[in-house]
Protein backbone atom coordinates (compact mmCIF):
# COMPACT_ATOMS: atom_id res chain seq x y z
CA MET A 1 -49.75 150.38 42.63
CA LYS A 2 -49.56 150.22 46.44
CA ARG A 3 -47.51 147.37 47.86
CA LYS A 4 -49.70 145.07 50.04
CA ILE A 5 -47.68 144.37 53.18
CA CYS A 6 -49.20 142.02 55.76
CA PHE A 7 -47.89 142.17 59.36
CA ILE A 8 -48.50 139.25 61.75
CA THR A 9 -48.41 139.33 65.54
CA GLY A 10 -49.15 136.60 68.05
CA THR A 11 -47.95 137.78 71.50
CA ARG A 12 -47.84 140.87 73.71
CA ALA A 13 -44.03 141.01 73.69
CA GLU A 14 -43.66 140.70 69.95
CA TYR A 15 -46.41 143.31 69.37
CA GLY A 16 -44.51 145.69 71.61
CA LEU A 17 -41.52 145.34 69.31
CA LEU A 18 -43.51 145.64 66.11
CA ARG A 19 -45.82 148.40 67.28
CA GLN A 20 -43.91 151.47 66.02
CA LEU A 21 -43.14 149.83 62.70
CA MET A 22 -46.80 148.90 62.16
CA LEU A 23 -48.08 152.31 63.16
CA LYS A 24 -45.74 153.94 60.63
CA ALA A 25 -46.61 151.45 57.91
CA SER A 26 -50.35 151.90 58.53
CA LYS A 27 -50.04 155.63 57.93
CA ASP A 28 -47.78 155.36 54.85
CA LYS A 29 -49.77 156.23 51.77
CA SER A 30 -47.60 154.05 49.53
CA ILE A 31 -48.55 150.90 51.49
CA ASN A 32 -51.71 148.83 51.58
CA PHE A 33 -51.48 147.87 55.22
CA GLN A 34 -52.74 144.46 56.32
CA LEU A 35 -52.67 142.94 59.82
CA ILE A 36 -53.30 139.43 61.04
CA VAL A 37 -53.64 138.82 64.80
CA THR A 38 -53.29 135.38 66.34
CA GLY A 39 -51.84 133.48 69.33
CA THR A 40 -52.29 134.77 72.88
CA HIS A 41 -53.71 138.08 71.62
CA LEU A 42 -57.01 136.18 71.31
CA SER A 43 -56.73 134.28 74.60
CA ARG A 44 -58.75 135.45 77.63
CA SER A 45 -56.37 133.62 79.98
CA HIS A 46 -53.46 135.64 78.62
CA GLY A 47 -55.14 139.08 78.82
CA PHE A 48 -56.85 139.19 75.41
CA THR A 49 -54.28 141.72 74.25
CA CYS A 50 -55.98 142.04 70.89
CA LYS A 51 -57.89 144.95 72.46
CA GLU A 52 -54.61 146.87 72.99
CA ILE A 53 -53.95 146.64 69.23
CA GLU A 54 -57.39 147.94 68.44
CA GLU A 55 -56.97 150.77 70.98
CA ASP A 56 -53.83 151.80 69.08
CA GLY A 57 -56.03 152.39 66.03
CA LEU A 58 -54.66 149.57 63.90
CA LEU A 59 -57.23 147.93 61.62
CA ILE A 60 -57.10 144.12 61.95
CA SER A 61 -57.67 142.26 58.68
CA HIS A 62 -57.95 138.75 60.13
CA LYS A 63 -58.05 137.11 63.54
CA ILE A 64 -56.80 133.51 63.65
CA ASN A 65 -57.71 131.80 66.92
CA LEU A 66 -55.43 128.86 67.72
CA ARG A 67 -57.88 127.72 70.47
CA ILE A 68 -55.14 126.38 72.73
CA GLN A 69 -56.82 125.44 76.04
CA GLY A 70 -54.03 123.53 77.80
CA ASP A 71 -50.21 123.64 77.87
CA SER A 72 -49.30 120.16 76.63
CA SER A 73 -47.17 119.49 73.57
CA GLN A 74 -50.22 118.02 71.83
CA GLU A 75 -52.22 121.21 72.44
CA ILE A 76 -49.42 123.29 71.01
CA ILE A 77 -49.11 121.09 67.93
CA ASP A 78 -52.86 121.13 67.38
CA GLY A 79 -52.85 124.91 67.69
CA MET A 80 -50.13 125.17 65.06
CA SER A 81 -52.24 123.03 62.73
CA ARG A 82 -55.23 125.32 63.18
CA GLY A 83 -52.95 128.30 62.65
CA MET A 84 -51.65 126.99 59.38
CA LYS A 85 -55.17 126.46 58.08
CA GLY A 86 -56.15 129.95 59.18
CA PHE A 87 -53.13 131.60 57.58
CA SER A 88 -53.82 129.72 54.34
CA ARG A 89 -57.33 131.14 54.14
CA ALA A 90 -56.18 134.62 55.13
CA PHE A 91 -53.33 134.77 52.61
CA PHE A 92 -55.50 133.60 49.71
CA GLU A 93 -58.17 136.19 50.62
CA GLN A 94 -55.78 139.12 51.19
CA LYS A 95 -53.19 138.23 48.54
CA PRO A 96 -50.31 140.17 50.23
CA ASP A 97 -47.22 141.04 48.25
CA LEU A 98 -45.07 140.51 51.33
CA ILE A 99 -45.55 139.32 54.92
CA VAL A 100 -43.59 140.67 57.88
CA ILE A 101 -42.96 138.46 60.90
CA LEU A 102 -40.76 138.71 63.95
CA GLY A 103 -38.95 136.17 66.09
CA ASP A 104 -39.48 132.50 66.84
CA ARG A 105 -42.91 131.61 68.12
CA TYR A 106 -44.75 128.49 66.90
CA GLU A 107 -47.63 130.54 65.57
CA ILE A 108 -45.17 132.57 63.52
CA PHE A 109 -43.63 129.35 62.24
CA ALA A 110 -47.14 128.32 61.02
CA ALA A 111 -47.51 131.68 59.26
CA ALA A 112 -44.10 131.39 57.57
CA THR A 113 -44.78 127.83 56.40
CA ALA A 114 -48.14 128.81 54.89
CA ALA A 115 -46.60 131.83 53.15
CA MET A 116 -43.74 129.75 51.80
CA ILE A 117 -46.11 127.23 50.18
CA ALA A 118 -48.22 130.08 48.84
CA ASN A 119 -45.13 131.69 47.23
CA ILE A 120 -45.45 134.88 49.29
CA PRO A 121 -42.12 136.66 50.09
CA ILE A 122 -41.29 136.76 53.76
CA ALA A 123 -39.50 139.51 55.68
CA HIS A 124 -38.16 138.20 59.04
CA ILE A 125 -37.06 140.41 61.92
CA HIS A 126 -34.66 139.40 64.73
CA GLY A 127 -33.28 136.34 63.00
CA GLY A 128 -29.80 134.93 63.72
CA GLU A 129 -30.26 134.99 67.51
CA THR A 130 -29.96 131.95 69.74
CA SER A 131 -31.86 130.64 72.77
CA GLU A 132 -30.55 127.17 73.53
CA GLY A 133 -33.03 126.31 76.28
CA ALA A 134 -36.18 126.47 74.11
CA TYR A 135 -37.48 125.03 70.86
CA ASP A 136 -37.69 128.65 69.76
CA GLU A 137 -34.08 128.19 68.63
CA ALA A 138 -34.94 125.64 65.95
CA ILE A 139 -38.06 127.57 64.94
CA ARG A 140 -36.12 130.85 64.51
CA HIS A 141 -33.51 129.28 62.24
CA SER A 142 -36.16 127.43 60.24
CA ILE A 143 -38.01 130.68 59.64
CA THR A 144 -34.73 132.23 58.44
CA LYS A 145 -34.46 129.51 55.75
CA MET A 146 -38.03 130.22 54.65
CA SER A 147 -37.56 134.00 54.55
CA HIS A 148 -36.30 136.30 51.81
CA MET A 149 -35.47 139.54 53.66
CA HIS A 150 -33.67 139.45 57.00
CA PHE A 151 -33.59 142.37 59.46
CA VAL A 152 -31.08 141.63 62.23
CA ALA A 153 -30.14 143.44 65.45
CA ALA A 154 -26.38 143.04 65.61
CA PRO A 155 -23.32 142.14 63.45
CA GLU A 156 -23.04 138.75 65.15
CA TYR A 157 -26.56 137.93 64.10
CA LYS A 158 -25.95 139.09 60.55
CA ARG A 159 -23.02 136.65 60.32
CA ARG A 160 -25.14 133.83 61.64
CA VAL A 161 -27.90 134.37 59.08
CA ASN A 162 -25.20 134.49 56.45
CA GLN A 163 -23.79 131.24 57.88
CA LEU A 164 -27.22 129.65 57.38
CA GLY A 165 -26.80 130.18 53.66
CA GLU A 166 -28.57 133.50 53.19
CA HIS A 167 -26.93 136.02 50.82
CA SER A 168 -25.57 139.16 52.51
CA ASN A 169 -27.46 141.29 49.96
CA ASN A 170 -30.68 140.26 51.67
CA ILE A 171 -29.53 140.72 55.27
CA PHE A 172 -30.00 144.18 56.76
CA LEU A 173 -28.35 145.29 60.01
CA VAL A 174 -30.90 147.63 61.59
CA GLY A 175 -30.54 147.21 65.36
CA GLY A 176 -33.13 146.00 67.83
CA LEU A 177 -36.76 147.07 67.69
CA GLY A 178 -36.90 147.05 71.51
CA VAL A 179 -34.37 149.92 71.68
CA ASP A 180 -36.40 151.72 69.06
CA ALA A 181 -39.60 151.37 71.11
CA ILE A 182 -38.03 152.80 74.24
CA ASN A 183 -37.15 155.99 72.41
CA SER A 184 -40.47 156.32 70.61
CA ILE A 185 -42.87 156.36 73.52
CA ASP A 186 -43.73 158.86 76.26
CA LEU A 187 -43.37 156.90 79.50
CA MET A 188 -45.67 157.32 82.45
CA SER A 189 -44.73 159.16 85.62
CA LYS A 190 -44.37 157.16 88.82
CA GLU A 191 -47.68 158.55 90.13
CA GLN A 192 -49.50 157.70 86.90
CA LEU A 193 -48.02 154.21 86.80
CA GLU A 194 -48.87 153.41 90.45
CA GLN A 195 -52.44 154.46 89.85
CA SER A 196 -52.68 152.37 86.69
CA LEU A 197 -51.16 149.29 88.34
CA ASN A 198 -52.96 149.80 91.65
CA PHE A 199 -49.54 149.14 93.18
CA GLN A 200 -47.28 151.28 95.25
CA PHE A 201 -43.56 150.83 94.73
CA GLY A 202 -41.46 150.07 97.77
CA ARG A 203 -37.91 150.94 98.71
CA LYS A 204 -36.73 147.93 96.68
CA ASN A 205 -38.59 146.52 93.67
CA LEU A 206 -38.07 143.68 91.22
CA LEU A 207 -40.00 142.55 88.13
CA VAL A 208 -40.24 138.78 87.62
CA THR A 209 -41.01 137.01 84.35
CA VAL A 210 -40.26 133.33 83.93
CA HIS A 211 -41.16 131.22 80.87
CA PRO A 212 -40.83 127.45 80.42
CA GLU A 213 -37.53 126.06 79.18
CA THR A 214 -39.35 124.04 76.57
CA LEU A 215 -36.55 121.57 75.98
CA GLU A 216 -36.72 120.47 79.63
CA LYS A 217 -38.97 117.89 81.19
CA ASN A 218 -42.11 118.73 83.21
CA LYS A 219 -40.44 117.97 86.48
CA SER A 220 -37.68 120.46 85.76
CA THR A 221 -40.11 123.32 85.21
CA LYS A 222 -41.71 122.73 88.65
CA ASN A 223 -38.32 122.48 90.37
CA GLN A 224 -37.00 125.58 88.62
CA VAL A 225 -39.95 127.77 89.56
CA GLN A 226 -40.02 126.45 93.13
CA ALA A 227 -36.32 127.31 93.49
CA LEU A 228 -37.01 130.86 92.23
CA LEU A 229 -39.96 131.42 94.54
CA SER A 230 -38.07 130.00 97.53
CA ALA A 231 -35.24 132.45 96.81
CA LEU A 232 -37.65 135.39 96.60
CA GLU A 233 -39.05 134.42 100.04
CA GLU A 234 -35.63 135.16 101.54
CA ILE A 235 -35.36 138.68 100.13
CA GLN A 236 -36.42 141.25 102.69
CA ASP A 237 -38.16 144.61 102.19
CA THR A 238 -38.69 144.02 98.48
CA LYS A 239 -41.82 144.25 96.34
CA PHE A 240 -42.36 141.96 93.37
CA ILE A 241 -44.29 142.53 90.11
CA PHE A 242 -44.94 139.30 88.23
CA THR A 243 -45.88 139.03 84.57
CA LEU A 244 -47.21 135.63 83.54
CA PRO A 245 -45.59 133.38 80.96
CA ASN A 246 -46.24 132.88 77.24
CA ALA A 247 -48.50 130.06 76.06
CA ASP A 248 -45.66 127.56 75.89
CA THR A 249 -45.57 123.96 77.13
CA ASN A 250 -46.05 123.88 80.93
CA ASN A 251 -47.01 127.55 81.20
CA LEU A 252 -50.06 126.71 83.28
CA GLN A 253 -47.87 125.03 85.93
CA ILE A 254 -45.80 128.20 86.28
CA THR A 255 -48.89 130.37 86.51
CA LYS A 256 -50.41 128.22 89.25
CA MET A 257 -47.23 128.39 91.35
CA ILE A 258 -46.88 132.14 91.00
CA LYS A 259 -50.50 132.72 91.93
CA LYS A 260 -50.01 130.63 95.08
CA PHE A 261 -46.94 132.68 96.00
CA GLN A 262 -48.75 135.98 95.38
CA LYS A 263 -51.70 134.94 97.54
CA LYS A 264 -49.30 134.24 100.41
CA TYR A 265 -47.41 137.54 99.94
CA SER A 266 -50.25 139.74 98.66
CA HIS A 267 -48.94 142.74 100.61
CA SER A 268 -45.74 142.82 98.65
CA SER A 269 -46.50 141.36 95.21
CA ARG A 270 -48.80 141.79 92.20
CA ILE A 271 -49.53 139.61 89.17
CA PHE A 272 -50.34 140.87 85.66
CA LEU A 273 -51.41 138.83 82.64
CA SER A 274 -49.94 141.60 80.55
CA LEU A 275 -48.61 145.04 81.41
CA GLY A 276 -48.73 146.21 77.85
CA GLN A 277 -45.79 148.05 76.27
CA LEU A 278 -46.40 151.46 77.87
CA ARG A 279 -46.75 150.14 81.42
CA TYR A 280 -43.98 147.60 81.00
CA LEU A 281 -41.41 150.12 79.80
CA SER A 282 -42.65 152.69 82.34
CA THR A 283 -42.19 150.11 85.14
CA LEU A 284 -38.53 149.63 84.14
CA GLN A 285 -37.91 153.24 85.19
CA PHE A 286 -38.80 152.57 88.82
CA ILE A 287 -37.44 149.13 89.67
CA ASP A 288 -34.02 147.85 90.62
CA GLY A 289 -33.92 145.01 88.14
CA VAL A 290 -35.64 142.10 86.49
CA ILE A 291 -35.45 138.39 87.23
CA GLY A 292 -36.35 135.58 84.86
CA ASN A 293 -35.59 134.25 81.40
CA SER A 294 -37.38 136.68 79.06
CA SER A 295 -35.50 138.03 76.00
CA SER A 296 -36.53 141.52 77.11
CA GLY A 297 -34.18 141.26 80.04
CA LEU A 298 -31.32 141.15 77.56
CA ALA A 299 -32.62 143.30 74.71
CA GLU A 300 -34.51 146.17 76.33
CA VAL A 301 -33.80 146.31 80.05
CA PRO A 302 -30.09 147.33 79.71
CA SER A 303 -31.18 150.61 78.13
CA PHE A 304 -32.66 151.59 81.55
CA LYS A 305 -29.33 151.06 83.29
CA ILE A 306 -30.71 148.44 85.67
CA GLY A 307 -29.66 144.87 86.24
CA THR A 308 -31.05 141.64 84.83
CA ILE A 309 -30.76 138.28 86.56
CA ASN A 310 -30.93 135.84 83.64
CA LEU A 311 -32.03 132.41 84.80
CA GLY A 312 -31.20 129.08 83.15
CA ASP A 313 -30.58 128.33 79.50
CA ARG A 314 -33.64 129.75 77.67
CA GLN A 315 -31.65 132.78 76.53
CA LYS A 316 -28.28 131.08 76.35
CA GLY A 317 -26.32 132.32 73.32
CA ARG A 318 -27.83 135.83 73.04
CA LEU A 319 -25.71 138.94 73.19
CA LYS A 320 -25.48 140.29 76.74
CA ALA A 321 -24.72 143.72 78.21
CA LYS A 322 -22.58 144.00 81.34
CA SER A 323 -25.78 144.53 83.31
CA ILE A 324 -26.69 140.83 82.89
CA ILE A 325 -26.07 138.43 85.80
CA ASP A 326 -26.33 134.81 84.68
CA SER A 327 -27.69 132.36 87.27
CA SER A 328 -28.77 128.76 87.40
CA PHE A 329 -32.20 127.81 88.68
CA GLN A 330 -30.69 126.78 91.98
CA LYS A 331 -32.05 128.65 95.03
CA GLU A 332 -28.58 129.46 96.37
CA ASP A 333 -27.41 130.86 93.04
CA ILE A 334 -30.50 133.03 92.68
CA VAL A 335 -30.11 134.52 96.22
CA LYS A 336 -26.43 135.17 95.49
CA SER A 337 -27.36 136.86 92.17
CA ILE A 338 -29.91 139.14 93.87
CA ASN A 339 -27.31 140.14 96.46
CA THR A 340 -24.90 140.86 93.61
CA LEU A 341 -27.53 143.02 91.85
CA TYR A 342 -27.88 145.22 94.97
CA SER A 343 -24.13 145.35 95.69
CA THR A 344 -22.43 148.75 95.58
CA ASN A 345 -19.83 147.46 93.09
CA PHE A 346 -22.46 146.21 90.58
CA GLN A 347 -24.66 149.27 90.93
CA SER A 348 -21.71 151.57 90.22
CA LYS A 349 -21.12 149.83 86.87
CA LEU A 350 -24.64 150.23 85.58
CA LYS A 351 -24.29 153.89 84.57
CA LYS A 352 -21.73 152.89 81.91
CA VAL A 353 -23.73 149.97 80.48
CA ILE A 354 -24.11 149.96 76.69
CA ASN A 355 -26.99 148.03 75.12
CA PRO A 356 -25.52 145.69 72.44
CA TYR A 357 -28.79 145.76 70.50
CA GLY A 358 -27.95 149.07 68.93
CA LYS A 359 -29.42 152.53 68.76
CA PRO A 360 -32.88 153.85 67.88
CA GLY A 361 -33.98 153.93 64.23
CA ALA A 362 -34.69 150.28 63.39
CA SER A 363 -38.34 150.75 62.45
CA ASN A 364 -37.51 153.55 59.97
CA LYS A 365 -34.74 151.46 58.36
CA ILE A 366 -37.02 148.41 58.06
CA LEU A 367 -39.90 150.37 56.61
CA ALA A 368 -37.67 151.91 53.97
CA MET A 369 -36.43 148.49 52.85
CA LEU A 370 -39.95 146.98 52.88
CA LYS A 371 -41.05 149.71 50.49
CA LYS A 372 -38.19 149.72 48.02
CA THR A 373 -36.76 146.17 47.83
CA PRO A 374 -37.74 144.52 44.52
CA LEU A 375 -39.91 141.45 44.99
CA GLU A 376 -40.14 140.15 41.44
CA ASN A 377 -37.32 137.60 41.66
CA ILE A 378 -36.95 137.24 45.38
CA ILE A 379 -38.77 133.90 45.90
CA LYS A 380 -36.10 131.70 44.28
CA LYS A 381 -33.05 131.61 46.58
CA LYS A 382 -29.63 130.17 45.98
CA PHE A 383 -27.85 128.80 48.99
CA TYR A 384 -24.94 131.13 49.75
CA ASP A 385 -21.70 129.26 50.44
CA PHE A 386 -18.72 130.92 52.15
């Protein structure tokens, strides 16, 4: 009998990581492939990226709309509640043998909670990582405790999942899915990309993505983004590509400020709700570096031998390549970091950078384990003590 494996995706970034794995699983004749789409995939204000999934030829089993209109904590909590109800209905209709989730988003937490109560085994990807500046940290570790199979990106993360009481027999070191994606896709040429983006690259180019540090107060978000934009104003002869933030607390405030900046500097900057995986990875070929606090700056960008200016504490605790420049959200520190990125000394080191998130092959390793791992007695877990 085919194993019914249900994949769940809620954001553009997470779908980019899961994409190759899902495409392979959907074509595997030994798998009954199921797919639930939720989160910002179904949000018009975040690019309605559900259409990109459908364009990839993946059949969506259920769409769970969280209907989050604002960016307050109450809106997020209400959305999680709607998500849990939606996942409950979907799981009891589809009756999956196993669900596959990635990361640390609140919609994924809702899915994991519903699956746990429904006694459905959970396979979790990219556990054991840390991000001290966001509530994603607590969500990620909570999902680890609800999960039964753990696919981790690095030895340090395997030890941390083990430290959380999960048995090493159920923790699989596979590497990062971001590295896998880079080597599994035919990237666009510069001419193709410029035409697709309606944007011409300049002599110097930077990609900017900033998300809320969700453990900070509202005032801090405004001050942080203002410091970043003030720093960018001082950078001469540089073009900026902005991608807008996730649907986290205070994301609308960030979006409003970036749009105001772009309107003032429309000749040298562009904003995108979502670049999509192909255009995002293709863009990394032709820019000098990225600025912000996205996990991609640490996990995928180093593979392109360009620099990342990692702002604030959102990604604090993650593994970092030598191409990462840590900076506070102070204007002076950001300007200094940009100057460092363009310095001859820093640029000379980039050719030797090694991405700590491993080598290609993660999706094949994960798929093999999803197919062959026995599920009969996997639900009951014993806390593993050192």
